[in-house]
């Protein structure tokens, strides 16, 4: 997951020029950045003395050109970043583009968020899903997905591979349009209205969908949204395994097959 060159930083405190990430010493040719660039807790504390926080730890960031600092203020911990020139401060998350998951050098030291790891399948509106694979199979997974989410589109292709790898599997596709994608709601309504594989594929391929009425699919999508929100499902794609275990983020077909075999 920690792919250095496929990462971004979001929620900047300052907009940085490209030169901000250049090595502070242009003569540094070592592949070991730590041999040329260092930042002690004491030095970091001095740089950040006006923030009111305490520097607990300093480590190289998951991306080159920066230090990652574990800070504490008012009993709460968080991460900030300082570039090698020690002129720029950033606050936010580093996100792996491929997995769409946060990465950090202080993962073990950070407090764990109270996020659900499983859900109760009682009440899941499976009747509103489009089923891929074998609809008669007792081997089921549920995938909460958004037709305008790029990772969901990528994973839709993997789900088609998965049902070929595991013929005795029913994949319940639960259309979960996110507010960030304003057109996804009507696309999702069309999919649940027709419940056909070709309409599902068109939605995830960005193609035109059949026309629907004003109220078509409204109650079906509403039931899916309500179930997801009640159970803490806030991101797409999210897979729910047969025992209720939540698996968040993009997964390739082979990865999903391994997860199925482990349950």
C-alpha atoms as a PDB file:
ATOM      1  CA  UNK A   1       0.000   0.000   0.000  1.00  0.00           C
ATOM      2  CA  UNK A   2       2.848   2.368   0.729  1.00  0.00           C
ATOM      3  CA  UNK A   3       3.760   3.221  -2.842  1.00  0.00           C
ATOM      4  CA  UNK A   4       5.945   6.296  -2.511  1.00  0.00           C
ATOM      5  CA  UNK A   5       5.544   7.626  -6.029  1.00  0.00           C
ATOM      6  CA  UNK A   6       1.777   7.156  -6.093  1.00  0.00           C
ATOM      7  CA  UNK A   7       0.985   9.471  -3.203  1.00  0.00           C
ATOM      8  CA  UNK A   8      -0.495  12.902  -2.755  1.00  0.00           C
ATOM      9  CA  UNK A   9      -0.899  15.311   0.106  1.00  0.00           C
ATOM     10  CA  UNK A  10      -4.227  16.990   0.729  1.00  0.00           C
ATOM     11  CA  UNK A  11      -5.530  19.700   3.050  1.00  0.00           C
ATOM     12  CA  UNK A  12      -2.496  21.979   2.721  1.00  0.00           C
ATOM     13  CA  UNK A  13      -1.950  24.790   5.170  1.00  0.00           C
ATOM     14  CA  UNK A  14       0.291  26.432   2.587  1.00  0.00           C
ATOM     15  CA  UNK A  15       0.469  26.107  -1.181  1.00  0.00           C
ATOM     16  CA  UNK A  16       3.994  24.995  -1.968  1.00  0.00           C
ATOM     17  CA  UNK A  17       6.128  25.820  -4.993  1.00  0.00           C
ATOM     18  CA  UNK A  18       7.720  22.838  -6.709  1.00  0.00           C
ATOM     19  CA  UNK A  19      11.104  23.898  -5.373  1.00  0.00           C
ATOM     20  CA  UNK A  20       9.894  23.312  -1.837  1.00  0.00           C
ATOM     21  CA  UNK A  21      10.399  19.591  -2.278  1.00  0.00           C
ATOM     22  CA  UNK A  22      13.881  19.883  -3.710  1.00  0.00           C
ATOM     23  CA  UNK A  23      16.791  18.855  -1.547  1.00  0.00           C
ATOM     24  CA  UNK A  24      17.942  21.687   0.700  1.00  0.00           C
ATOM     25  CA  UNK A  25      21.525  20.993  -0.305  1.00  0.00           C
ATOM     26  CA  UNK A  26      21.884  20.838  -4.132  1.00  0.00           C
ATOM     27  CA  UNK A  27      25.161  18.987  -3.659  1.00  0.00           C
ATOM     28  CA  UNK A  28      23.481  16.058  -1.914  1.00  0.00           C
ATOM     29  CA  UNK A  29      23.833  13.012  -4.135  1.00  0.00           C
ATOM     30  CA  UNK A  30      23.346  10.294  -1.532  1.00  0.00           C
ATOM     31  CA  UNK A  31      20.449   7.859  -1.955  1.00  0.00           C
ATOM     32  CA  UNK A  32      20.127   7.924   1.831  1.00  0.00           C
ATOM     33  CA  UNK A  33      18.388  11.233   2.500  1.00  0.00           C
ATOM     34  CA  UNK A  34      18.913  10.875   6.250  1.00  0.00           C
ATOM     35  CA  UNK A  35      22.665  11.198   5.731  1.00  0.00           C
ATOM     36  CA  UNK A  36      22.210  14.763   4.468  1.00  0.00           C
ATOM     37  CA  UNK A  37      18.922  15.922   5.967  1.00  0.00           C
ATOM     38  CA  UNK A  38      18.106  15.661   9.658  1.00  0.00           C
ATOM     39  CA  UNK A  39      15.570  17.158  12.014  1.00  0.00           C
ATOM     40  CA  UNK A  40      15.688  16.491  15.750  1.00  0.00           C
ATOM     41  CA  UNK A  41      12.704  16.732  18.084  1.00  0.00           C
ATOM     42  CA  UNK A  42      14.365  19.687  19.767  1.00  0.00           C
ATOM     43  CA  UNK A  43      14.894  21.519  16.478  1.00  0.00           C
ATOM     44  CA  UNK A  44      11.342  20.738  15.361  1.00  0.00           C
ATOM     45  CA  UNK A  45      10.024  21.985  18.701  1.00  0.00           C
ATOM     46  CA  UNK A  46      11.826  25.261  18.218  1.00  0.00           C
ATOM     47  CA  UNK A  47      10.447  25.646  14.686  1.00  0.00           C
ATOM     48  CA  UNK A  48       6.924  24.984  15.922  1.00  0.00           C
ATOM     49  CA  UNK A  49       7.067  26.761  19.270  1.00  0.00           C
ATOM     50  CA  UNK A  50       4.306  29.182  18.252  1.00  0.00           C
ATOM     51  CA  UNK A  51       1.802  26.423  17.519  1.00  0.00           C
ATOM     52  CA  UNK A  52       1.301  25.456  21.143  1.00  0.00           C
ATOM     53  CA  UNK A  53       1.895  21.799  20.354  1.00  0.00           C
ATOM     54  CA  UNK A  54       4.528  19.333  21.507  1.00  0.00           C
ATOM     55  CA  UNK A  55       6.632  17.306  19.059  1.00  0.00           C
ATOM     56  CA  UNK A  56       6.537  13.663  20.155  1.00  0.00           C
ATOM     57  CA  UNK A  57       8.471  12.091  17.287  1.00  0.00           C
ATOM     58  CA  UNK A  58      10.177  12.891  13.980  1.00  0.00           C
ATOM     59  CA  UNK A  59      10.515  10.388  11.125  1.00  0.00           C
ATOM     60  CA  UNK A  60      11.164  10.558   7.370  1.00  0.00           C
ATOM     61  CA  UNK A  61       7.818  10.978   5.583  1.00  0.00           C
ATOM     62  CA  UNK A  62       6.510   8.269   3.204  1.00  0.00           C
ATOM     63  CA  UNK A  63       7.365  10.627   0.321  1.00  0.00           C
ATOM     64  CA  UNK A  64      10.803  12.071  -0.355  1.00  0.00           C
ATOM     65  CA  UNK A  65      11.717  15.578   0.641  1.00  0.00           C
ATOM     66  CA  UNK A  66       9.811  15.812   3.912  1.00  0.00           C
ATOM     67  CA  UNK A  67       9.870  14.951   7.602  1.00  0.00           C
ATOM     68  CA  UNK A  68       6.758  13.599   9.305  1.00  0.00           C
ATOM     69  CA  UNK A  69       6.142  14.882  12.842  1.00  0.00           C
ATOM     70  CA  UNK A  70       3.859  13.360  15.437  1.00  0.00           C
ATOM     71  CA  UNK A  71       2.402  16.313  17.357  1.00  0.00           C
ATOM     72  CA  UNK A  72       0.317  16.526  20.508  1.00  0.00           C
ATOM     73  CA  UNK A  73      -1.867  19.418  21.577  1.00  0.00           C
ATOM     74  CA  UNK A  74      -4.634  19.559  24.161  1.00  0.00           C
ATOM     75  CA  UNK A  75      -4.410  15.801  24.631  1.00  0.00           C
ATOM     76  CA  UNK A  76      -4.916  15.059  20.938  1.00  0.00           C
ATOM     77  CA  UNK A  77      -2.345  13.698  18.475  1.00  0.00           C
ATOM     78  CA  UNK A  78      -1.921  14.370  14.770  1.00  0.00           C
ATOM     79  CA  UNK A  79       0.613  14.551  11.960  1.00  0.00           C
ATOM     80  CA  UNK A  80       2.252  17.489  10.234  1.00  0.00           C
ATOM     81  CA  UNK A  81       5.004  17.646   7.625  1.00  0.00           C
ATOM     82  CA  UNK A  82       8.058  19.871   7.238  1.00  0.00           C
ATOM     83  CA  UNK A  83      10.064  19.968   4.022  1.00  0.00           C
ATOM     84  CA  UNK A  84      13.827  19.405   3.973  1.00  0.00           C
ATOM     85  CA  UNK A  85      14.499  23.142   3.615  1.00  0.00           C
ATOM     86  CA  UNK A  86      12.628  23.615   6.939  1.00  0.00           C
ATOM     87  CA  UNK A  87      10.744  26.556   5.473  1.00  0.00           C
ATOM     88  CA  UNK A  88       7.389  24.987   4.749  1.00  0.00           C
ATOM     89  CA  UNK A  89       4.781  23.368   6.970  1.00  0.00           C
ATOM     90  CA  UNK A  90       1.988  21.112   5.734  1.00  0.00           C
ATOM     91  CA  UNK A  91      -0.923  19.500   7.525  1.00  0.00           C
ATOM     92  CA  UNK A  92      -3.118  16.736   6.156  1.00  0.00           C
ATOM     93  CA  UNK A  93      -2.910  13.190   4.849  1.00  0.00           C
ATOM     94  CA  UNK A  94      -0.737  11.324   2.400  1.00  0.00           C
ATOM     95  CA  UNK A  95      -2.964   9.122   0.277  1.00  0.00           C
ATOM     96  CA  UNK A  96      -1.905   6.167  -1.847  1.00  0.00           C
ATOM     97  CA  UNK A  97      -3.348   6.783  -5.326  1.00  0.00           C
ATOM     98  CA  UNK A  98      -3.643   3.085  -6.155  1.00  0.00           C
ATOM     99  CA  UNK A  99      -5.399   1.928  -2.986  1.00  0.00           C
ATOM    100  CA  UNK A 100      -6.970   5.278  -1.998  1.00  0.00           C
ATOM    101  CA  UNK A 101      -5.804   4.697   1.554  1.00  0.00           C
ATOM    102  CA  UNK A 102      -3.804   6.918   3.869  1.00  0.00           C
ATOM    103  CA  UNK A 103      -0.159   6.086   4.550  1.00  0.00           C
ATOM    104  CA  UNK A 104       2.056   7.433   7.320  1.00  0.00           C
ATOM    105  CA  UNK A 105       5.376   6.767   9.021  1.00  0.00           C
ATOM    106  CA  UNK A 106       3.727   6.994  12.459  1.00  0.00           C
ATOM    107  CA  UNK A 107       0.878   4.553  11.808  1.00  0.00           C
ATOM    108  CA  UNK A 108       1.633   2.457  14.901  1.00  0.00           C
ATOM    109  CA  UNK A 109       1.804   5.492  17.175  1.00  0.00           C
ATOM    110  CA  UNK A 110      -1.428   7.124  16.052  1.00  0.00           C
ATOM    111  CA  UNK A 111      -4.661   6.413  17.940  1.00  0.00           C
ATOM    112  CA  UNK A 112      -6.961   4.070  16.048  1.00  0.00           C
ATOM    113  CA  UNK A 113     -10.200   5.520  14.780  1.00  0.00           C
ATOM    114  CA  UNK A 114     -13.373   3.948  16.090  1.00  0.00           C
ATOM    115  CA  UNK A 115     -14.556   2.608  12.744  1.00  0.00           C
ATOM    116  CA  UNK A 116     -16.727  -0.469  12.306  1.00  0.00           C
ATOM    117  CA  UNK A 117     -14.996  -3.611  11.095  1.00  0.00           C
ATOM    118  CA  UNK A 118     -18.172  -5.588  10.566  1.00  0.00           C
ATOM    119  CA  UNK A 119     -21.898  -5.087  10.110  1.00  0.00           C
ATOM    120  CA  UNK A 120     -25.056  -6.992  10.909  1.00  0.00           C
ATOM    121  CA  UNK A 121     -26.430  -8.398   7.662  1.00  0.00           C
ATOM    122  CA  UNK A 122     -29.926  -8.447   9.128  1.00  0.00           C
ATOM    123  CA  UNK A 123     -31.885  -5.804   7.279  1.00  0.00           C
ATOM    124  CA  UNK A 124     -29.487  -5.378   4.367  1.00  0.00           C
ATOM    125  CA  UNK A 125     -31.739  -4.464   1.393  1.00  0.00           C
ATOM    126  CA  UNK A 126     -30.447  -7.252  -0.840  1.00  0.00           C
ATOM    127  CA  UNK A 127     -33.640  -7.144  -2.912  1.00  0.00           C
ATOM    128  CA  UNK A 128     -32.478  -3.780  -4.294  1.00  0.00           C
ATOM    129  CA  UNK A 129     -29.155  -5.134  -5.550  1.00  0.00           C
ATOM    130  CA  UNK A 130     -28.107  -6.189  -9.019  1.00  0.00           C
ATOM    131  CA  UNK A 131     -26.683  -9.682  -8.699  1.00  0.00           C
ATOM    132  CA  UNK A 132     -23.564 -10.679 -10.600  1.00  0.00           C
ATOM    133  CA  UNK A 133     -22.501 -14.305 -10.857  1.00  0.00           C
ATOM    134  CA  UNK A 134     -24.741 -17.103  -9.612  1.00  0.00           C
ATOM    135  CA  UNK A 135     -27.912 -15.604  -8.068  1.00  0.00           C
ATOM    136  CA  UNK A 136     -28.885 -18.992  -6.586  1.00  0.00           C
ATOM    137  CA  UNK A 137     -25.618 -19.413  -4.704  1.00  0.00           C
ATOM    138  CA  UNK A 138     -25.545 -19.308  -0.923  1.00  0.00           C
ATOM    139  CA  UNK A 139     -22.007 -17.927  -1.167  1.00  0.00           C
ATOM    140  CA  UNK A 140     -22.597 -14.165  -1.151  1.00  0.00           C
ATOM    141  CA  UNK A 141     -20.794 -10.861  -0.872  1.00  0.00           C
ATOM    142  CA  UNK A 142     -22.232  -7.366  -0.962  1.00  0.00           C
ATOM    143  CA  UNK A 143     -20.440  -4.484  -2.694  1.00  0.00           C
ATOM    144  CA  UNK A 144     -21.400  -0.876  -1.904  1.00  0.00           C
ATOM    145  CA  UNK A 145     -20.342   1.050  -4.964  1.00  0.00           C
ATOM    146  CA  UNK A 146     -20.818   4.316  -6.855  1.00  0.00           C
ATOM    147  CA  UNK A 147     -20.937   4.405 -10.687  1.00  0.00           C
ATOM    148  CA  UNK A 148     -19.036   7.708 -10.793  1.00  0.00           C
ATOM    149  CA  UNK A 149     -16.310   6.653  -8.346  1.00  0.00           C
ATOM    150  CA  UNK A 150     -13.131   5.921 -10.347  1.00  0.00           C
ATOM    151  CA  UNK A 151     -12.038   3.143  -7.993  1.00  0.00           C
ATOM    152  CA  UNK A 152     -15.517   1.608  -8.107  1.00  0.00           C
ATOM    153  CA  UNK A 153     -15.359   1.559 -11.892  1.00  0.00           C
ATOM    154  CA  UNK A 154     -11.996  -0.116 -11.765  1.00  0.00           C
ATOM    155  CA  UNK A 155     -13.268  -2.631  -9.230  1.00  0.00           C
ATOM    156  CA  UNK A 156     -16.374  -3.354 -11.297  1.00  0.00           C
ATOM    157  CA  UNK A 157     -14.059  -4.880 -13.891  1.00  0.00           C
ATOM    158  CA  UNK A 158     -12.460  -6.958 -11.134  1.00  0.00           C
ATOM    159  CA  UNK A 159     -15.880  -8.170  -9.944  1.00  0.00           C
ATOM    160  CA  UNK A 160     -16.585  -9.467 -13.444  1.00  0.00           C
ATOM    161  CA  UNK A 161     -13.309 -11.372 -13.271  1.00  0.00           C
ATOM    162  CA  UNK A 162     -14.143 -12.620  -9.779  1.00  0.00           C
ATOM    163  CA  UNK A 163     -17.415 -14.307 -10.767  1.00  0.00           C
ATOM    164  CA  UNK A 164     -15.481 -16.201 -13.423  1.00  0.00           C
ATOM    165  CA  UNK A 165     -12.803 -17.232 -10.939  1.00  0.00           C
ATOM    166  CA  UNK A 166     -15.456 -18.275  -8.398  1.00  0.00           C
ATOM    167  CA  UNK A 167     -18.495 -19.546 -10.351  1.00  0.00           C
ATOM    168  CA  UNK A 168     -20.385 -20.447  -7.180  1.00  0.00           C
ATOM    169  CA  UNK A 169     -20.594 -16.862  -5.957  1.00  0.00           C
ATOM    170  CA  UNK A 170     -23.319 -14.250  -5.885  1.00  0.00           C
ATOM    171  CA  UNK A 171     -22.083 -10.650  -5.861  1.00  0.00           C
ATOM    172  CA  UNK A 172     -24.810  -8.293  -4.673  1.00  0.00           C
ATOM    173  CA  UNK A 173     -24.039  -4.880  -6.155  1.00  0.00           C
ATOM    174  CA  UNK A 174     -25.484  -2.243  -3.810  1.00  0.00           C
ATOM    175  CA  UNK A 175     -25.686   1.129  -5.561  1.00  0.00           C
ATOM    176  CA  UNK A 176     -24.446   3.746  -3.105  1.00  0.00           C
ATOM    177  CA  UNK A 177     -24.164   7.159  -4.833  1.00  0.00           C
ATOM    178  CA  UNK A 178     -21.974   9.590  -2.919  1.00  0.00           C
ATOM    179  CA  UNK A 179     -22.852  13.304  -2.553  1.00  0.00           C
ATOM    180  CA  UNK A 180     -19.538  14.170  -4.216  1.00  0.00           C
ATOM    181  CA  UNK A 181     -20.847  12.689  -7.479  1.00  0.00           C
ATOM    182  CA  UNK A 182     -24.094  14.564  -8.271  1.00  0.00           C
ATOM    183  CA  UNK A 183     -24.922  12.507 -11.386  1.00  0.00           C
ATOM    184  CA  UNK A 184     -24.417   9.165  -9.627  1.00  0.00           C
ATOM    185  CA  UNK A 185     -27.807   9.284  -7.900  1.00  0.00           C
ATOM    186  CA  UNK A 186     -29.866   9.188 -11.100  1.00  0.00           C
ATOM    187  CA  UNK A 187     -27.540   6.611 -12.624  1.00  0.00           C
ATOM    188  CA  UNK A 188     -28.006   4.431  -9.545  1.00  0.00           C
ATOM    189  CA  UNK A 189     -31.793   4.845  -9.767  1.00  0.00           C
ATOM    190  CA  UNK A 190     -31.696   3.637 -13.371  1.00  0.00           C
ATOM    191  CA  UNK A 191     -29.641   0.573 -12.436  1.00  0.00           C
ATOM    192  CA  UNK A 192     -31.938  -0.528  -9.606  1.00  0.00           C
ATOM    193  CA  UNK A 193     -35.008   0.179 -11.717  1.00  0.00           C
ATOM    194  CA  UNK A 194     -33.980  -2.167 -14.542  1.00  0.00           C
ATOM    195  CA  UNK A 195     -31.766  -4.578 -12.529  1.00  0.00           C
ATOM    196  CA  UNK A 196     -30.072  -5.788 -15.702  1.00  0.00           C
ATOM    197  CA  UNK A 197     -26.396  -6.615 -16.155  1.00  0.00           C
ATOM    198  CA  UNK A 198     -26.085  -4.552 -19.336  1.00  0.00           C
ATOM    199  CA  UNK A 199     -27.512  -1.456 -17.624  1.00  0.00           C
ATOM    200  CA  UNK A 200     -25.138  -1.989 -14.701  1.00  0.00           C
ATOM    201  CA  UNK A 201     -22.182  -2.272 -17.083  1.00  0.00           C
ATOM    202  CA  UNK A 202     -23.213   0.852 -18.975  1.00  0.00           C
ATOM    203  CA  UNK A 203     -23.413   2.828 -15.731  1.00  0.00           C
ATOM    204  CA  UNK A 204     -19.879   1.831 -14.753  1.00  0.00           C
ATOM    205  CA  UNK A 205     -18.561   2.414 -18.265  1.00  0.00           C
ATOM    206  CA  UNK A 206     -19.941   5.955 -18.413  1.00  0.00           C
ATOM    207  CA  UNK A 207     -22.426   5.171 -21.187  1.00  0.00           C
ATOM    208  CA  UNK A 208     -25.963   6.489 -21.680  1.00  0.00           C
ATOM    209  CA  UNK A 209     -28.646   4.752 -19.608  1.00  0.00           C
ATOM    210  CA  UNK A 210     -32.331   4.106 -20.331  1.00  0.00           C
ATOM    211  CA  UNK A 211     -34.729   6.860 -19.333  1.00  0.00           C
ATOM    212  CA  UNK A 212     -36.525   6.541 -15.997  1.00  0.00           C
ATOM    213  CA  UNK A 213     -39.399   8.277 -14.271  1.00  0.00           C
ATOM    214  CA  UNK A 214     -39.050  10.916 -11.575  1.00  0.00           C
ATOM    215  CA  UNK A 215     -39.675   8.497  -8.727  1.00  0.00           C
ATOM    216  CA  UNK A 216     -38.179   5.328 -10.214  1.00  0.00           C
ATOM    217  CA  UNK A 217     -35.610   3.784  -7.910  1.00  0.00           C
ATOM    218  CA  UNK A 218     -35.979   6.464  -5.230  1.00  0.00           C
ATOM    219  CA  UNK A 219     -37.158   4.128  -2.469  1.00  0.00           C
ATOM    220  CA  UNK A 220     -34.668   1.389  -3.428  1.00  0.00           C
ATOM    221  CA  UNK A 221     -31.667   3.725  -3.332  1.00  0.00           C
ATOM    222  CA  UNK A 222     -33.021   5.318  -0.153  1.00  0.00           C
ATOM    223  CA  UNK A 223     -33.077   1.943   1.591  1.00  0.00           C
ATOM    224  CA  UNK A 224     -29.480   1.232   0.555  1.00  0.00           C
ATOM    225  CA  UNK A 225     -28.322   4.675   1.716  1.00  0.00           C
ATOM    226  CA  UNK A 226     -30.075   4.327   5.055  1.00  0.00           C
ATOM    227  CA  UNK A 227     -28.605   0.876   5.702  1.00  0.00           C
ATOM    228  CA  UNK A 228     -25.100   2.064   4.816  1.00  0.00           C
ATOM    229  CA  UNK A 229     -25.302   5.122   7.047  1.00  0.00           C
ATOM    230  CA  UNK A 230     -26.745   3.183   9.984  1.00  0.00           C
ATOM    231  CA  UNK A 231     -23.868   0.732   9.773  1.00  0.00           C
ATOM    232  CA  UNK A 232     -21.017   3.207   9.316  1.00  0.00           C
ATOM    233  CA  UNK A 233     -20.347   2.482   5.631  1.00  0.00           C
ATOM    234  CA  UNK A 234     -19.122   5.859   4.390  1.00  0.00           C
ATOM    235  CA  UNK A 235     -16.770   5.080   1.498  1.00  0.00           C
ATOM    236  CA  UNK A 236     -16.885   3.282  -1.816  1.00  0.00           C
ATOM    237  CA  UNK A 237     -16.088   0.675  -2.798  1.00  0.00           C
ATOM    238  CA  UNK A 238     -16.833  -1.285   0.379  1.00  0.00           C
ATOM    239  CA  UNK A 239     -17.237  -5.065   0.340  1.00  0.00           C
ATOM    240  CA  UNK A 240     -19.239  -6.875   2.995  1.00  0.00           C
ATOM    241  CA  UNK A 241     -18.269 -10.528   3.312  1.00  0.00           C
ATOM    242  CA  UNK A 242     -20.746 -13.230   4.235  1.00  0.00           C
ATOM    243  CA  UNK A 243     -19.880 -13.037   7.931  1.00  0.00           C
ATOM    244  CA  UNK A 244     -20.403  -9.262   7.937  1.00  0.00           C
ATOM    245  CA  UNK A 245     -16.713  -8.308   7.770  1.00  0.00           C
ATOM    246  CA  UNK A 246     -16.095  -4.958   6.064  1.00  0.00           C
ATOM    247  CA  UNK A 247     -13.361  -4.622   3.443  1.00  0.00           C
ATOM    248  CA  UNK A 248     -12.885  -1.030   2.336  1.00  0.00           C
ATOM    249  CA  UNK A 249     -11.116   0.176  -0.804  1.00  0.00           C
ATOM    250  CA  UNK A 250     -10.247  -1.196  -4.208  1.00  0.00           C
ATOM    251  CA  UNK A 251      -9.422  -4.901  -4.339  1.00  0.00           C
ATOM    252  CA  UNK A 252      -8.366  -6.925  -7.369  1.00  0.00           C
ATOM    253  CA  UNK A 253     -10.203 -10.144  -8.230  1.00  0.00           C
ATOM    254  CA  UNK A 254      -7.411 -12.354  -6.885  1.00  0.00           C
ATOM    255  CA  UNK A 255      -7.363 -10.426  -3.595  1.00  0.00           C
ATOM    256  CA  UNK A 256     -11.100 -10.863  -3.217  1.00  0.00           C
ATOM    257  CA  UNK A 257     -10.784 -14.571  -3.958  1.00  0.00           C
ATOM    258  CA  UNK A 258      -8.232 -14.905  -1.155  1.00  0.00           C
ATOM    259  CA  UNK A 259     -10.579 -13.071   1.224  1.00  0.00           C
ATOM    260  CA  UNK A 260     -13.408 -15.412   0.262  1.00  0.00           C
ATOM    261  CA  UNK A 261     -11.257 -18.467   0.871  1.00  0.00           C
ATOM    262  CA  UNK A 262     -10.286 -17.129   4.276  1.00  0.00           C
ATOM    263  CA  UNK A 263     -13.873 -16.930   5.447  1.00  0.00           C
END
